């Protein structure tokens, strides 16, 4: 009787990016129009998860370019998910407050 090996787990840095990327995409898809409090929550969520994801994805693709299973996981992510440029994001996120539910 043979036991087939489970697929290798992804490296921690790749798993962390996949999770953060997913949170970013989630916040980007949340509706907040007409509800100022909800929009502030969405803005805070975006500021916590989106900045740096595009650059981090590119760096990990370079780092793991020879590892097929890792590259397959990374290829599934959108390469351009950040909603604004780095400097604009810094300015925007500097004025975003942490909502009550996240304290």
N, C-alpha and C. Protein backbone atom coordinates (compact mmCIF):
# COMPACT_ATOMS: atom_id res chain seq x y z
N UNK A 1 0.85 -1.18 0.00
CA UNK A 1 0.00 0.00 0.00
C UNK A 1 0.89 1.24 0.00
N UNK A 2 0.60 2.19 -0.87
CA UNK A 2 1.42 3.40 -0.92
C UNK A 2 0.59 4.60 -0.48
N UNK A 3 1.25 5.47 0.19
CA UNK A 3 0.61 6.69 0.67
C UNK A 3 1.15 7.83 -0.18
N UNK A 4 0.24 8.58 -0.80
CA UNK A 4 0.72 9.69 -1.63
C UNK A 4 1.05 10.89 -0.76
N UNK A 5 2.10 11.54 -1.10
CA UNK A 5 2.54 12.70 -0.32
C UNK A 5 1.62 13.88 -0.54
N UNK A 6 1.37 14.62 0.52
CA UNK A 6 0.56 15.84 0.41
C UNK A 6 1.41 16.91 -0.27
N UNK A 7 0.76 17.81 -0.99
CA UNK A 7 1.53 18.88 -1.61
C UNK A 7 2.28 19.69 -0.55
N UNK A 8 3.44 20.15 -0.93
CA UNK A 8 4.25 20.94 0.00
C UNK A 8 3.54 22.24 0.34
N UNK A 9 3.64 22.63 1.58
CA UNK A 9 3.06 23.90 2.01
C UNK A 9 3.83 25.05 1.37
N UNK A 10 3.13 26.13 1.17
CA UNK A 10 3.77 27.32 0.61
C UNK A 10 4.63 27.99 1.67
N UNK A 11 5.69 28.68 1.26
CA UNK A 11 6.51 29.41 2.22
C UNK A 11 5.67 30.46 2.96
N UNK A 12 6.08 30.77 4.18
CA UNK A 12 5.32 31.69 5.02
C UNK A 12 5.14 33.06 4.38
N UNK A 13 6.18 33.56 3.69
CA UNK A 13 6.04 34.89 3.08
C UNK A 13 5.03 34.88 1.95
N UNK A 14 4.92 33.78 1.26
CA UNK A 14 3.94 33.66 0.17
C UNK A 14 2.53 33.57 0.76
N UNK A 15 2.37 32.74 1.78
CA UNK A 15 1.06 32.61 2.43
C UNK A 15 0.61 33.95 3.00
N UNK A 16 1.52 34.69 3.61
CA UNK A 16 1.17 35.99 4.17
C UNK A 16 0.71 36.95 3.08
N UNK A 17 1.41 36.96 1.95
CA UNK A 17 1.00 37.84 0.86
C UNK A 17 -0.37 37.44 0.31
N UNK A 18 -0.59 36.15 0.12
CA UNK A 18 -1.88 35.69 -0.41
C UNK A 18 -3.01 36.14 0.51
N UNK A 19 -2.81 36.02 1.81
CA UNK A 19 -3.85 36.44 2.76
C UNK A 19 -4.06 37.95 2.73
N UNK A 20 -2.97 38.71 2.71
CA UNK A 20 -3.09 40.18 2.68
C UNK A 20 -3.69 40.65 1.37
N UNK A 21 -3.30 40.04 0.27
CA UNK A 21 -3.84 40.36 -1.05
C UNK A 21 -5.35 40.12 -1.04
N UNK A 22 -5.77 39.01 -0.46
CA UNK A 22 -7.21 38.70 -0.37
C UNK A 22 -7.97 39.73 0.44
N UNK A 23 -7.36 40.18 1.55
CA UNK A 23 -8.01 41.22 2.35
C UNK A 23 -8.12 42.53 1.56
N UNK A 24 -7.07 42.86 0.82
CA UNK A 24 -7.09 44.08 0.01
C UNK A 24 -8.22 44.02 -1.02
N UNK A 25 -8.29 42.91 -1.74
CA UNK A 25 -9.34 42.75 -2.75
C UNK A 25 -10.72 42.82 -2.10
N UNK A 26 -10.85 42.23 -0.92
CA UNK A 26 -12.12 42.28 -0.19
C UNK A 26 -12.53 43.73 0.08
N UNK A 27 -11.62 44.51 0.68
CA UNK A 27 -11.95 45.89 1.01
C UNK A 27 -12.22 46.72 -0.23
N UNK A 28 -11.50 46.47 -1.31
CA UNK A 28 -11.73 47.22 -2.54
C UNK A 28 -13.13 46.96 -3.10
N UNK A 29 -13.68 45.80 -2.83
CA UNK A 29 -15.00 45.44 -3.36
C UNK A 29 -16.15 45.79 -2.44
N UNK A 30 -15.86 46.33 -1.27
CA UNK A 30 -16.92 46.67 -0.32
C UNK A 30 -17.63 47.96 -0.72
N UNK A 31 -18.95 47.96 -0.73
CA UNK A 31 -19.68 49.19 -1.04
C UNK A 31 -19.73 50.10 0.19
N UNK A 32 -19.52 51.37 -0.02
CA UNK A 32 -19.58 52.32 1.09
C UNK A 32 -20.27 53.61 0.72
N UNK A 33 -20.71 53.69 -0.53
CA UNK A 33 -21.33 54.92 -1.01
C UNK A 33 -22.54 55.29 -0.15
N UNK A 34 -22.59 56.54 0.24
CA UNK A 34 -23.73 57.06 0.99
C UNK A 34 -23.66 56.79 2.48
N UNK A 35 -22.69 56.05 2.95
CA UNK A 35 -22.56 55.75 4.38
C UNK A 35 -21.14 56.13 4.80
N UNK A 36 -21.01 57.33 5.34
CA UNK A 36 -19.69 57.88 5.66
C UNK A 36 -18.94 57.01 6.66
N UNK A 37 -19.62 56.50 7.66
CA UNK A 37 -18.96 55.65 8.66
C UNK A 37 -18.44 54.36 8.02
N UNK A 38 -19.25 53.75 7.19
CA UNK A 38 -18.82 52.52 6.51
C UNK A 38 -17.65 52.82 5.58
N UNK A 39 -17.67 53.95 4.89
CA UNK A 39 -16.58 54.30 4.00
C UNK A 39 -15.29 54.50 4.78
N UNK A 40 -15.38 55.07 5.99
CA UNK A 40 -14.18 55.22 6.82
C UNK A 40 -13.64 53.84 7.22
N UNK A 41 -14.53 52.89 7.51
CA UNK A 41 -14.10 51.52 7.83
C UNK A 41 -13.39 50.88 6.63
N UNK A 42 -13.95 51.07 5.47
CA UNK A 42 -13.36 50.52 4.24
C UNK A 42 -12.00 51.14 3.98
N UNK A 43 -11.91 52.45 4.13
CA UNK A 43 -10.64 53.15 3.92
C UNK A 43 -9.57 52.60 4.87
N UNK A 44 -9.93 52.40 6.13
CA UNK A 44 -8.98 51.88 7.10
C UNK A 44 -8.55 50.46 6.70
N UNK A 45 -9.51 49.62 6.31
CA UNK A 45 -9.19 48.27 5.89
C UNK A 45 -8.24 48.25 4.70
N UNK A 46 -8.48 49.13 3.74
CA UNK A 46 -7.60 49.23 2.58
C UNK A 46 -6.20 49.65 3.00
N UNK A 47 -6.12 50.61 3.92
CA UNK A 47 -4.81 51.10 4.36
C UNK A 47 -4.04 50.04 5.14
N UNK A 48 -4.74 49.10 5.75
CA UNK A 48 -4.08 48.04 6.49
C UNK A 48 -3.61 46.91 5.58
N UNK A 49 -4.26 46.72 4.45
CA UNK A 49 -3.96 45.54 3.65
C UNK A 49 -3.38 45.80 2.26
N UNK A 50 -3.65 46.93 1.66
CA UNK A 50 -3.26 47.13 0.26
C UNK A 50 -1.85 47.66 0.02
N UNK A 51 -1.36 48.66 0.77
CA UNK A 51 -0.05 49.23 0.44
C UNK A 51 1.07 48.19 0.39
N UNK A 52 1.80 48.22 -0.70
CA UNK A 52 2.95 47.33 -0.85
C UNK A 52 2.67 45.98 -1.48
N UNK A 53 1.39 45.65 -1.69
CA UNK A 53 1.08 44.31 -2.21
C UNK A 53 1.63 44.10 -3.62
N UNK A 54 1.55 45.10 -4.47
CA UNK A 54 2.04 44.93 -5.85
C UNK A 54 3.55 44.68 -5.87
N UNK A 55 4.29 45.49 -5.11
CA UNK A 55 5.75 45.33 -5.07
C UNK A 55 6.14 44.02 -4.39
N UNK A 56 5.41 43.64 -3.35
CA UNK A 56 5.69 42.39 -2.65
C UNK A 56 5.46 41.20 -3.57
N UNK A 57 4.39 41.24 -4.35
CA UNK A 57 4.11 40.17 -5.31
C UNK A 57 5.23 40.05 -6.33
N UNK A 58 5.67 41.17 -6.87
CA UNK A 58 6.76 41.14 -7.86
C UNK A 58 8.04 40.57 -7.25
N UNK A 59 8.34 40.96 -6.01
CA UNK A 59 9.55 40.47 -5.35
C UNK A 59 9.48 38.97 -5.10
N UNK A 60 8.30 38.48 -4.69
CA UNK A 60 8.17 37.05 -4.43
C UNK A 60 8.22 36.23 -5.72
N UNK A 61 7.68 36.79 -6.80
CA UNK A 61 7.78 36.09 -8.09
C UNK A 61 9.25 35.95 -8.50
N UNK A 62 10.02 36.96 -8.24
CA UNK A 62 11.44 36.91 -8.56
C UNK A 62 12.15 35.90 -7.65
N UNK A 63 11.85 35.96 -6.37
CA UNK A 63 12.49 35.09 -5.38
C UNK A 63 12.21 33.61 -5.65
N UNK A 64 10.98 33.28 -6.03
CA UNK A 64 10.56 31.88 -6.18
C UNK A 64 10.39 31.47 -7.64
N UNK A 65 11.01 32.17 -8.57
CA UNK A 65 10.79 31.92 -10.00
C UNK A 65 11.04 30.48 -10.42
N UNK A 66 11.87 29.73 -9.72
CA UNK A 66 12.15 28.34 -10.10
C UNK A 66 11.28 27.31 -9.40
N UNK A 67 10.34 27.75 -8.59
CA UNK A 67 9.51 26.81 -7.83
C UNK A 67 8.07 26.82 -8.36
N UNK A 68 7.75 25.80 -9.11
CA UNK A 68 6.48 25.74 -9.84
C UNK A 68 5.25 25.90 -8.94
N UNK A 69 5.18 25.19 -7.83
CA UNK A 69 3.98 25.26 -6.99
C UNK A 69 3.80 26.65 -6.41
N UNK A 70 4.90 27.29 -6.03
CA UNK A 70 4.82 28.64 -5.48
C UNK A 70 4.42 29.62 -6.59
N UNK A 71 5.03 29.48 -7.75
CA UNK A 71 4.70 30.37 -8.86
C UNK A 71 3.24 30.22 -9.29
N UNK A 72 2.72 29.01 -9.27
CA UNK A 72 1.31 28.81 -9.61
C UNK A 72 0.41 29.58 -8.65
N UNK A 73 0.74 29.55 -7.37
CA UNK A 73 -0.06 30.28 -6.38
C UNK A 73 0.06 31.79 -6.61
N UNK A 74 1.25 32.26 -6.90
CA UNK A 74 1.46 33.69 -7.11
C UNK A 74 0.83 34.18 -8.42
N UNK A 75 0.86 33.34 -9.45
CA UNK A 75 0.27 33.73 -10.75
C UNK A 75 -1.23 33.95 -10.65
N UNK A 76 -1.86 33.33 -9.65
CA UNK A 76 -3.31 33.48 -9.48
C UNK A 76 -3.71 34.86 -8.94
N UNK A 77 -2.75 35.62 -8.44
CA UNK A 77 -3.04 36.94 -7.87
C UNK A 77 -2.94 38.03 -8.92
N UNK A 78 -3.81 39.03 -8.80
CA UNK A 78 -3.73 40.20 -9.68
C UNK A 78 -2.43 40.93 -9.40
N UNK A 79 -1.73 41.31 -10.46
CA UNK A 79 -0.45 42.01 -10.29
C UNK A 79 -0.63 43.46 -9.87
N UNK A 80 -1.74 44.05 -10.21
CA UNK A 80 -2.00 45.46 -9.89
C UNK A 80 -3.29 45.56 -9.09
N UNK A 81 -3.18 45.49 -7.78
CA UNK A 81 -4.36 45.55 -6.94
C UNK A 81 -4.42 46.82 -6.10
N UNK A 82 -3.28 47.46 -5.89
CA UNK A 82 -3.28 48.67 -5.06
C UNK A 82 -4.07 49.78 -5.75
N UNK A 83 -4.95 50.46 -5.00
CA UNK A 83 -5.81 51.46 -5.62
C UNK A 83 -5.16 52.80 -5.91
N UNK A 84 -3.97 53.05 -5.38
CA UNK A 84 -3.33 54.35 -5.60
C UNK A 84 -1.81 54.20 -5.51
N UNK A 85 -1.10 55.20 -5.94
CA UNK A 85 0.35 55.17 -5.88
C UNK A 85 0.87 55.23 -4.46
N UNK A 86 2.14 54.91 -4.29
CA UNK A 86 2.75 54.82 -2.97
C UNK A 86 2.66 56.12 -2.17
N UNK A 87 3.03 57.24 -2.76
CA UNK A 87 3.01 58.51 -2.04
C UNK A 87 1.58 58.94 -1.72
N UNK A 88 0.69 58.76 -2.69
CA UNK A 88 -0.72 59.10 -2.45
C UNK A 88 -1.29 58.23 -1.34
N UNK A 89 -0.94 56.96 -1.33
CA UNK A 89 -1.42 56.05 -0.29
C UNK A 89 -0.91 56.47 1.08
N UNK A 90 0.34 56.88 1.16
CA UNK A 90 0.89 57.35 2.45
C UNK A 90 0.12 58.54 2.98
N UNK A 91 -0.17 59.50 2.10
CA UNK A 91 -0.93 60.69 2.52
C UNK A 91 -2.34 60.30 2.93
N UNK A 92 -2.99 59.48 2.11
CA UNK A 92 -4.37 59.08 2.38
C UNK A 92 -4.45 58.30 3.69
N UNK A 93 -3.57 57.34 3.87
CA UNK A 93 -3.63 56.47 5.05
C UNK A 93 -3.21 57.19 6.33
N UNK A 94 -2.43 58.25 6.20
CA UNK A 94 -2.03 59.02 7.37
C UNK A 94 -3.23 59.70 8.02
N UNK A 95 -4.29 59.92 7.26
CA UNK A 95 -5.47 60.60 7.79
C UNK A 95 -6.61 59.63 8.12
N UNK A 96 -6.38 58.34 7.94
CA UNK A 96 -7.42 57.34 8.19
C UNK A 96 -7.37 56.92 9.65
N UNK A 97 -8.50 56.87 10.28
CA UNK A 97 -8.53 56.50 11.69
C UNK A 97 -8.97 55.04 11.86
N UNK A 98 -8.53 54.45 12.95
CA UNK A 98 -8.87 53.07 13.27
C UNK A 98 -10.31 53.03 13.77
N UNK A 99 -11.16 52.22 13.17
CA UNK A 99 -12.55 52.16 13.61
C UNK A 99 -12.71 51.46 14.97
N UNK A 100 -13.80 51.71 15.62
CA UNK A 100 -14.07 51.11 16.94
C UNK A 100 -14.00 49.59 16.91
N UNK A 101 -14.52 48.97 15.86
CA UNK A 101 -14.56 47.51 15.80
C UNK A 101 -13.18 46.89 15.69
N UNK A 102 -12.18 47.65 15.31
CA UNK A 102 -10.82 47.11 15.12
C UNK A 102 -9.92 47.35 16.33
N UNK A 103 -10.44 47.96 17.37
CA UNK A 103 -9.60 48.28 18.54
C UNK A 103 -9.51 47.10 19.47
